[in-house]
Amino acid sequence: MKTIGIEIDNDRAIFFIIEKNGDIKTNITNDFKHLKLNDDRDNNEVRNFQSLIFTHFDNINPNKIAILTRQTKGKFSSSAISFKIETLIQCYNKVNVEFVSPQAVNSFYKNNAFDIEISHNYQEKAAKLSNLLL
């Protein structure tokens, strides 16, 4: 089974990919750690961003994909570009893209160990999400 956890932080999507064979979990994220959308008003850049993500998803052939939800309203609401990134990812039609709240992730790890090694601290939320999907 292969899972992709995604955290969207302003203008970039942070990915973490885990493959599980039996009881062995492997981080297969490799170089696809994050992708930034520099100009969300440039059609070519938006299409290229989506194409890169879809090509990578196709190469991985995941069983599950999930995005960590963000606030839509209030003082700590997320940026508009982050929701555009979310929508571009949701358009991937080969696997249903799920949404998981940060509260659900925190609740899961109160009773479960996080046993995956991450390369960079900024990947932690996406890694926890990917592990939860297993």
N, C-alpha and C. Protein backbone atom coordinates (compact mmCIF):
# COMPACT_ATOMS: atom_id res chain seq x y z
N MET A 1 0.84 -1.18 0.00
CA MET A 1 0.00 0.00 0.00
C MET A 1 0.89 1.24 0.00
N LYS A 2 0.48 2.24 -0.76
CA LYS A 2 1.21 3.51 -0.83
C LYS A 2 0.25 4.64 -0.48
N THR A 3 0.72 5.52 0.40
CA THR A 3 -0.11 6.65 0.82
C THR A 3 0.67 7.96 0.63
N ILE A 4 -0.07 9.00 0.30
CA ILE A 4 0.53 10.33 0.14
C ILE A 4 -0.18 11.28 1.09
N GLY A 5 0.58 11.88 2.00
CA GLY A 5 0.08 12.92 2.89
C GLY A 5 0.54 14.26 2.36
N ILE A 6 -0.38 15.22 2.34
CA ILE A 6 -0.07 16.54 1.79
C ILE A 6 -0.47 17.63 2.78
N GLU A 7 0.49 18.50 3.05
CA GLU A 7 0.19 19.71 3.82
C GLU A 7 0.39 20.88 2.86
N ILE A 8 -0.59 21.76 2.82
CA ILE A 8 -0.48 22.94 1.96
C ILE A 8 -0.16 24.13 2.87
N ASP A 9 0.96 24.75 2.57
CA ASP A 9 1.43 25.88 3.38
C ASP A 9 1.62 27.08 2.45
N ASN A 10 0.65 27.98 2.47
CA ASN A 10 0.63 29.17 1.61
C ASN A 10 0.74 28.79 0.14
N ASP A 11 1.91 28.98 -0.48
CA ASP A 11 2.03 28.76 -1.93
C ASP A 11 2.78 27.47 -2.28
N ARG A 12 2.88 26.55 -1.33
CA ARG A 12 3.56 25.29 -1.64
C ARG A 12 2.82 24.11 -1.03
N ALA A 13 2.93 23.00 -1.71
CA ALA A 13 2.38 21.73 -1.22
C ALA A 13 3.56 20.89 -0.75
N ILE A 14 3.45 20.38 0.47
CA ILE A 14 4.49 19.53 1.06
C ILE A 14 3.98 18.10 1.03
N PHE A 15 4.79 17.21 0.46
CA PHE A 15 4.38 15.82 0.27
C PHE A 15 5.20 14.88 1.14
N PHE A 16 4.56 13.79 1.55
CA PHE A 16 5.28 12.70 2.20
C PHE A 16 4.61 11.41 1.75
N ILE A 17 5.42 10.49 1.25
CA ILE A 17 4.90 9.26 0.66
C ILE A 17 5.48 8.07 1.40
N ILE A 18 4.58 7.18 1.83
CA ILE A 18 4.97 5.98 2.54
C ILE A 18 4.47 4.76 1.77
N GLU A 19 5.34 3.77 1.69
CA GLU A 19 4.95 2.47 1.14
C GLU A 19 5.03 1.45 2.26
N LYS A 20 3.99 0.63 2.37
CA LYS A 20 3.96 -0.40 3.42
C LYS A 20 3.84 -1.77 2.77
N ASN A 21 4.81 -2.63 3.08
CA ASN A 21 4.80 -4.02 2.65
C ASN A 21 4.84 -4.88 3.90
N GLY A 22 3.73 -5.54 4.22
CA GLY A 22 3.66 -6.29 5.47
C GLY A 22 3.73 -5.33 6.63
N ASP A 23 4.71 -5.52 7.52
CA ASP A 23 4.88 -4.63 8.66
C ASP A 23 5.96 -3.57 8.42
N ILE A 24 6.56 -3.58 7.24
CA ILE A 24 7.66 -2.66 6.94
C ILE A 24 7.14 -1.42 6.22
N LYS A 25 7.43 -0.25 6.81
CA LYS A 25 7.06 1.03 6.23
C LYS A 25 8.32 1.70 5.69
N THR A 26 8.22 2.24 4.48
CA THR A 26 9.37 2.89 3.86
C THR A 26 8.97 4.27 3.35
N ASN A 27 9.80 5.25 3.64
CA ASN A 27 9.62 6.60 3.12
C ASN A 27 10.11 6.58 1.67
N ILE A 28 9.20 6.77 0.72
CA ILE A 28 9.57 6.79 -0.70
C ILE A 28 9.37 8.18 -1.31
N THR A 29 9.40 9.21 -0.46
CA THR A 29 9.20 10.58 -0.92
C THR A 29 10.29 11.00 -1.90
N ASN A 30 11.53 10.59 -1.63
CA ASN A 30 12.69 10.94 -2.46
C ASN A 30 12.79 12.45 -2.65
N ASP A 31 12.92 12.91 -3.89
CA ASP A 31 13.12 14.34 -4.15
C ASP A 31 11.82 15.13 -4.28
N PHE A 32 10.68 14.46 -4.24
CA PHE A 32 9.39 15.15 -4.39
C PHE A 32 8.86 15.56 -3.03
N LYS A 33 9.61 16.40 -2.32
CA LYS A 33 9.28 16.81 -0.96
C LYS A 33 8.27 17.96 -0.94
N HIS A 34 8.41 18.88 -1.86
CA HIS A 34 7.46 19.99 -1.93
C HIS A 34 7.50 20.60 -3.32
N LEU A 35 6.43 21.31 -3.63
CA LEU A 35 6.32 21.98 -4.91
C LEU A 35 5.66 23.32 -4.67
N LYS A 36 6.24 24.36 -5.24
CA LYS A 36 5.76 25.72 -5.02
C LYS A 36 5.07 26.26 -6.27
N LEU A 37 3.96 26.94 -6.06
CA LEU A 37 3.26 27.63 -7.14
C LEU A 37 3.59 29.11 -6.99
N ASN A 38 4.50 29.59 -7.82
CA ASN A 38 4.99 30.96 -7.70
C ASN A 38 3.97 32.02 -8.11
N ASP A 39 3.31 31.81 -9.25
CA ASP A 39 2.38 32.81 -9.76
C ASP A 39 1.07 32.12 -10.13
N ASP A 40 0.09 32.23 -9.28
CA ASP A 40 -1.18 31.53 -9.51
C ASP A 40 -2.05 32.20 -10.57
N ARG A 41 -1.58 33.29 -11.15
CA ARG A 41 -2.32 33.96 -12.23
C ARG A 41 -1.72 33.68 -13.60
N ASP A 42 -0.63 32.95 -13.63
CA ASP A 42 0.01 32.55 -14.88
C ASP A 42 -0.52 31.17 -15.27
N ASN A 43 -1.34 31.12 -16.30
CA ASN A 43 -1.98 29.86 -16.71
C ASN A 43 -0.98 28.75 -16.97
N ASN A 44 0.12 29.09 -17.63
CA ASN A 44 1.12 28.07 -17.93
C ASN A 44 1.73 27.50 -16.65
N GLU A 45 2.01 28.36 -15.70
CA GLU A 45 2.59 27.89 -14.44
C GLU A 45 1.61 27.00 -13.67
N VAL A 46 0.34 27.40 -13.65
CA VAL A 46 -0.68 26.61 -12.95
C VAL A 46 -0.81 25.24 -13.61
N ARG A 47 -0.88 25.22 -14.93
CA ARG A 47 -0.98 23.94 -15.64
C ARG A 47 0.26 23.07 -15.43
N ASN A 48 1.42 23.69 -15.44
CA ASN A 48 2.66 22.95 -15.21
C ASN A 48 2.70 22.38 -13.79
N PHE A 49 2.27 23.16 -12.82
CA PHE A 49 2.21 22.73 -11.43
C PHE A 49 1.34 21.48 -11.31
N GLN A 50 0.15 21.55 -11.88
CA GLN A 50 -0.77 20.42 -11.82
C GLN A 50 -0.22 19.21 -12.58
N SER A 51 0.37 19.44 -13.73
CA SER A 51 0.95 18.35 -14.51
C SER A 51 2.07 17.64 -13.77
N LEU A 52 2.93 18.40 -13.10
CA LEU A 52 4.01 17.80 -12.31
C LEU A 52 3.47 16.92 -11.19
N ILE A 53 2.46 17.41 -10.50
CA ILE A 53 1.86 16.63 -9.42
C ILE A 53 1.21 15.36 -9.97
N PHE A 54 0.42 15.49 -11.01
CA PHE A 54 -0.27 14.32 -11.57
C PHE A 54 0.70 13.29 -12.11
N THR A 55 1.76 13.74 -12.76
CA THR A 55 2.78 12.81 -13.28
C THR A 55 3.43 12.07 -12.12
N HIS A 56 3.74 12.77 -11.07
CA HIS A 56 4.36 12.14 -9.91
C HIS A 56 3.38 11.14 -9.27
N PHE A 57 2.13 11.53 -9.12
CA PHE A 57 1.13 10.61 -8.57
C PHE A 57 1.01 9.37 -9.45
N ASP A 58 0.99 9.55 -10.75
CA ASP A 58 0.90 8.41 -11.67
C ASP A 58 2.09 7.47 -11.51
N ASN A 59 3.27 8.04 -11.34
CA ASN A 59 4.47 7.21 -11.17
C ASN A 59 4.44 6.43 -9.85
N ILE A 60 3.87 7.02 -8.82
CA ILE A 60 3.79 6.37 -7.51
C ILE A 60 2.67 5.34 -7.48
N ASN A 61 1.55 5.64 -8.13
CA ASN A 61 0.37 4.78 -8.12
C ASN A 61 -0.12 4.56 -6.68
N PRO A 62 -0.51 5.65 -5.99
CA PRO A 62 -0.90 5.53 -4.58
C PRO A 62 -2.26 4.87 -4.39
N ASN A 63 -2.45 4.29 -3.21
CA ASN A 63 -3.75 3.74 -2.83
C ASN A 63 -4.62 4.79 -2.16
N LYS A 64 -3.96 5.71 -1.43
CA LYS A 64 -4.69 6.77 -0.74
C LYS A 64 -3.90 8.07 -0.81
N ILE A 65 -4.65 9.17 -0.93
CA ILE A 65 -4.09 10.51 -0.91
C ILE A 65 -4.95 11.34 0.04
N ALA A 66 -4.30 12.12 0.89
CA ALA A 66 -5.07 13.00 1.79
C ALA A 66 -4.38 14.34 1.94
N ILE A 67 -5.20 15.34 2.14
CA ILE A 67 -4.74 16.71 2.37
C ILE A 67 -5.14 17.10 3.78
N LEU A 68 -4.23 17.71 4.50
CA LEU A 68 -4.51 18.23 5.82
C LEU A 68 -5.36 19.49 5.67
N THR A 69 -6.51 19.52 6.33
CA THR A 69 -7.40 20.67 6.19
C THR A 69 -6.82 21.90 6.86
N ARG A 70 -7.28 23.06 6.39
CA ARG A 70 -6.84 24.34 6.92
C ARG A 70 -8.06 25.20 7.23
N GLN A 71 -7.85 26.24 8.02
CA GLN A 71 -8.95 27.13 8.36
C GLN A 71 -9.36 27.96 7.16
N THR A 72 -10.67 28.10 6.97
CA THR A 72 -11.18 28.89 5.86
C THR A 72 -11.58 30.30 6.27
N LYS A 73 -11.82 30.48 7.58
CA LYS A 73 -12.27 31.79 8.06
C LYS A 73 -11.51 32.17 9.32
N GLY A 74 -11.57 33.44 9.63
CA GLY A 74 -11.02 33.92 10.89
C GLY A 74 -9.60 34.44 10.79
N LYS A 75 -9.06 34.73 11.95
CA LYS A 75 -7.75 35.35 12.06
C LYS A 75 -6.63 34.49 11.47
N PHE A 76 -6.75 33.19 11.60
CA PHE A 76 -5.70 32.29 11.12
C PHE A 76 -6.09 31.55 9.84
N SER A 77 -6.95 32.16 9.05
CA SER A 77 -7.39 31.51 7.81
C SER A 77 -6.24 31.42 6.81
N SER A 78 -6.34 30.42 5.97
CA SER A 78 -5.29 30.17 4.98
C SER A 78 -5.40 31.12 3.80
N SER A 79 -4.32 31.21 3.03
CA SER A 79 -4.29 32.11 1.88
C SER A 79 -5.13 31.56 0.73
N ALA A 80 -5.56 32.45 -0.13
CA ALA A 80 -6.37 32.06 -1.29
C ALA A 80 -5.60 31.12 -2.21
N ILE A 81 -4.31 31.36 -2.38
CA ILE A 81 -3.51 30.51 -3.27
C ILE A 81 -3.46 29.07 -2.73
N SER A 82 -3.51 28.90 -1.42
CA SER A 82 -3.48 27.55 -0.85
C SER A 82 -4.72 26.76 -1.26
N PHE A 83 -5.85 27.44 -1.37
CA PHE A 83 -7.07 26.76 -1.78
C PHE A 83 -7.06 26.45 -3.28
N LYS A 84 -6.37 27.26 -4.05
CA LYS A 84 -6.21 26.95 -5.47
C LYS A 84 -5.35 25.70 -5.61
N ILE A 85 -4.28 25.61 -4.84
CA ILE A 85 -3.42 24.41 -4.86
C ILE A 85 -4.23 23.19 -4.47
N GLU A 86 -5.03 23.33 -3.43
CA GLU A 86 -5.88 22.23 -2.98
C GLU A 86 -6.80 21.75 -4.11
N THR A 87 -7.41 22.69 -4.81
CA THR A 87 -8.32 22.35 -5.90
C THR A 87 -7.58 21.65 -7.04
N LEU A 88 -6.40 22.12 -7.38
CA LEU A 88 -5.62 21.47 -8.44
C LEU A 88 -5.32 20.02 -8.07
N ILE A 89 -4.99 19.77 -6.82
CA ILE A 89 -4.70 18.41 -6.38
C ILE A 89 -5.97 17.56 -6.39
N GLN A 90 -7.09 18.15 -5.98
CA GLN A 90 -8.36 17.43 -5.97
C GLN A 90 -8.80 16.97 -7.36
N CYS A 91 -8.33 17.62 -8.37
CA CYS A 91 -8.70 17.26 -9.74
C CYS A 91 -8.08 15.93 -10.19
N TYR A 92 -7.17 15.39 -9.41
CA TYR A 92 -6.58 14.08 -9.73
C TYR A 92 -7.69 13.04 -9.62
N ASN A 93 -7.98 12.37 -10.72
CA ASN A 93 -9.17 11.51 -10.74
C ASN A 93 -8.89 10.00 -10.64
N LYS A 94 -7.66 9.60 -10.41
CA LYS A 94 -7.36 8.17 -10.33
C LYS A 94 -7.48 7.62 -8.91
N VAL A 95 -7.44 8.49 -7.91
CA VAL A 95 -7.60 8.12 -6.51
C VAL A 95 -8.41 9.24 -5.85
N ASN A 96 -9.34 8.85 -4.99
CA ASN A 96 -10.12 9.84 -4.27
C ASN A 96 -9.21 10.58 -3.29
N VAL A 97 -9.23 11.90 -3.33
CA VAL A 97 -8.43 12.71 -2.43
C VAL A 97 -9.27 13.01 -1.19
N GLU A 98 -8.78 12.56 -0.04
CA GLU A 98 -9.49 12.73 1.23
C GLU A 98 -9.00 13.99 1.93
N PHE A 99 -9.77 14.43 2.93
CA PHE A 99 -9.38 15.53 3.79
C PHE A 99 -9.38 15.05 5.23
N VAL A 100 -8.34 15.39 5.96
CA VAL A 100 -8.22 15.00 7.36
C VAL A 100 -7.87 16.25 8.16
N SER A 101 -8.55 16.43 9.26
CA SER A 101 -8.31 17.62 10.09
C SER A 101 -7.08 17.42 10.97
N PRO A 102 -6.41 18.51 11.32
CA PRO A 102 -5.28 18.42 12.25
C PRO A 102 -5.69 17.80 13.59
N GLN A 103 -6.93 18.04 14.02
CA GLN A 103 -7.41 17.47 15.27
C GLN A 103 -7.48 15.95 15.19
N ALA A 104 -7.90 15.41 14.04
CA ALA A 104 -7.96 13.95 13.86
C ALA A 104 -6.56 13.35 13.89
N VAL A 105 -5.60 14.04 13.29
CA VAL A 105 -4.21 13.56 13.29
C VAL A 105 -3.68 13.55 14.73
N ASN A 106 -3.88 14.65 15.45
CA ASN A 106 -3.42 14.73 16.84
C ASN A 106 -4.06 13.66 17.72
N SER A 107 -5.33 13.43 17.51
CA SER A 107 -6.04 12.41 18.28
C SER A 107 -5.48 11.02 17.99
N PHE A 108 -5.19 10.74 16.73
CA PHE A 108 -4.62 9.44 16.35
C PHE A 108 -3.29 9.19 17.05
N TYR A 109 -2.44 10.21 17.11
CA TYR A 109 -1.11 10.04 17.69
C TYR A 109 -1.08 10.10 19.22
N LYS A 110 -2.21 10.35 19.85
CA LYS A 110 -2.27 10.21 21.30
C LYS A 110 -2.21 8.74 21.69
N ASN A 111 -2.69 7.86 20.78
CA ASN A 111 -2.74 6.42 21.07
C ASN A 111 -1.84 5.59 20.16
N ASN A 112 -1.18 6.21 19.20
CA ASN A 112 -0.35 5.49 18.24
C ASN A 112 1.01 6.16 18.12
N ALA A 113 2.02 5.35 17.93
CA ALA A 113 3.38 5.87 17.79
C ALA A 113 3.62 6.34 16.37
N PHE A 114 4.43 7.37 16.25
CA PHE A 114 4.87 7.83 14.92
C PHE A 114 6.25 7.24 14.71
N ASP A 115 6.34 6.24 13.84
CA ASP A 115 7.56 5.45 13.71
C ASP A 115 8.23 5.56 12.34
N ILE A 116 8.04 6.69 11.69
CA ILE A 116 8.65 6.93 10.38
C ILE A 116 9.72 8.01 10.53
N GLU A 117 10.87 7.78 9.94
CA GLU A 117 11.93 8.78 9.97
C GLU A 117 11.69 9.79 8.85
N ILE A 118 11.79 11.07 9.21
CA ILE A 118 11.61 12.12 8.21
C ILE A 118 12.95 12.81 7.97
N SER A 119 13.12 13.31 6.76
CA SER A 119 14.37 13.97 6.38
C SER A 119 14.43 15.41 6.87
N HIS A 120 13.28 16.09 6.85
CA HIS A 120 13.22 17.51 7.19
C HIS A 120 12.03 17.76 8.12
N ASN A 121 12.22 18.64 9.08
CA ASN A 121 11.17 18.94 10.05
C ASN A 121 9.90 19.47 9.40
N TYR A 122 10.03 20.20 8.29
CA TYR A 122 8.84 20.77 7.65
C TYR A 122 7.92 19.70 7.08
N GLN A 123 8.40 18.46 6.97
CA GLN A 123 7.59 17.36 6.44
C GLN A 123 6.77 16.65 7.52
N GLU A 124 6.93 17.02 8.77
CA GLU A 124 6.33 16.25 9.86
C GLU A 124 4.82 16.08 9.74
N LYS A 125 4.09 17.16 9.47
CA LYS A 125 2.63 17.06 9.39
C LYS A 125 2.20 16.17 8.23
N ALA A 126 2.84 16.32 7.07
CA ALA A 126 2.50 15.48 5.93
C ALA A 126 2.86 14.02 6.20
N ALA A 127 3.98 13.80 6.89
CA ALA A 127 4.41 12.44 7.22
C ALA A 127 3.43 11.78 8.18
N LYS A 128 3.01 12.51 9.19
CA LYS A 128 2.03 11.96 10.14
C LYS A 128 0.73 11.63 9.45
N LEU A 129 0.32 12.48 8.53
CA LEU A 129 -0.91 12.25 7.77
C LEU A 129 -0.78 11.00 6.91
N SER A 130 0.34 10.88 6.21
CA SER A 130 0.56 9.72 5.35
C SER A 130 0.56 8.42 6.16
N ASN A 131 1.18 8.46 7.31
CA ASN A 131 1.24 7.28 8.20
C ASN A 131 -0.15 6.93 8.73
N LEU A 132 -0.94 7.94 9.06
CA LEU A 132 -2.30 7.72 9.55
C LEU A 132 -3.14 7.00 8.49
N LEU A 133 -2.91 7.29 7.22
CA LEU A 133 -3.68 6.68 6.14
C LEU A 133 -3.47 5.17 6.02
N LEU A 134 -2.33 4.70 6.54
CA LEU A 134 -2.05 3.26 6.49
C LEU A 134 -2.98 2.51 7.41
